[in-house]
Every structure is written in structure tokens, then in C-alpha cells.
Amino acid sequence: MNFAIGVFDLFAYTIPGALYVAFFGYLGTKLHILTAASIGGVPTVVLVVVIVLLSFLLGYLAYPLGEALERIVPRRRSRDAAKEFVRRMPAAKDRPFLKENPHLLLCALQLQDKEVAADVSRVRASGLMVRNCAPPLLFGAVAAIVEIFAGKRPFIAAGIAVLLVFASLTLVTQGRKFGLWAGMKTFELCFWLPDIDEKLAAPQNDEASKTPATATSTQPPSTSPVIPPSR
């Protein structure tokens, strides 16, 4: 049986999940639940597989935490990918594809050219990875704050707490920037996609063709008898 992790899964789930594994490993070590003797008895291959699986599962389960943190952290400015693309490319101002959802446009790119669409997917995955790495760093900052009062080096713990909080907030803002880049990349590629405007307008034309034509006159038809011509 082959076990493969895609690029999107690796970036969006596994790498952030590895930070959760490291955080819980730190807690287990501090609470004397994990020891070098207990870990040393596990075969290396089994240990690697367990860590990868735990990283993926924790990253998947903790995915909503990244979304929640992104909503909580205030935005300095709201930037729309479509408006930013039109600002840089005024010739595309009236193109119909700009009104569509970027995820739908990404599907169109995947149908047209999967290799080109893979670039957009990588940028989106990078943005999700950066954003989802913020919550475990914030948990680490909380642990560092506890170490200020419970540990032997409070000044070092305070410095680490400040750095982790700053890194967590920075990762959220950088994740938003990657999302903006992914949206702009989608619009830039769709700009050169042949017949995309016609394909998007096709369903509307089909609905219009199915609409029955309305009568031009509301008057009932005449029922007066026909008078034959006089001889």
C-alpha cells in the first residue's frame, strides 16, 4: 500500500500539524509523560510514520483555529484581488470573468491546463500553511508566559513570548497576502484563457432562450364576422 501526501496537504495541514506535535511534545516532556527512554524504544521508521500521521491529523483538526485567528486579527486595509487586478490591468475592466468566484475560475484553469493551475494551488497552499502555523506559535507564547513564573529563566521566557506573539500575528498577515496573490494570479491567467467570457455567459443565454416570448398585444383576437364583398 502506498501512502502519499500531496503538495496541498503537505503545506496546508502537515507542516502546521508538525508545530502542534512539537508543542504537545514539549508539554509531554515538561509533565514527564514523554521521556527519552520511552521514545528510544520505538523503531525509527515507526516513529517517523507516527509523527507524519499525527502532524496531518492535528493540522486537519486544528484547521478551524487558523480561520478563527484570521477573523480575530484586525485588518489594516481590505484589498480585493479583482479590484487590484483591474488597477494593474485596466483593459480587463469590463471582462465578465472578473465577477466570478476565484475558486470557480481555478477549476476552469485546471480543466484547461493543470500545470498552469498548479502554480495557483501552490500559492494558495503556501498562504494556508503560513496562516495555520500562527495558532501553535500563539500556544507556544502562552507556554512561555507560564515559564516566566514557573521557570528558572524568566527574562529569556519573556523574550521568547514576545517573539512568538509577534511571529504569530505576522504569519496571519502574510497568509492574507498570499491569498491576495493567489487571487490575482488566478485572474491574470484567466485573462489569457480563450473563450472564458463566452463560456461563463453561456448559461445565461440558455436561460434566456428557454423563456417563452410574451405577446406584443394584450387585446383579444377579433371575432367579428367576415362580410363578403358586394357584387
Foldseek 3Di string as FASTA:
>chain_A
DDDDDDLLLCLQFQLLLLLVVVLVVVVCVVVVVDDPVVVVVDDPVVVVVVSRVSRSVSSVVCLVVLVVVLVPQDDPDDDDLLVVLCVVPVVCVPQPVSPDDLVVLLVVVCVVPVVLSVVLSNLLSNLSNLSSNLVSLQVVLVVLCVCLVVPDDNVVSPVSSVVSNVSSSVSSVVSVVSVSVSSNSSVVVVVPPPCPSVVVCVVVVVVVVPDDDDDPDPDDDDDDDDDDDDD
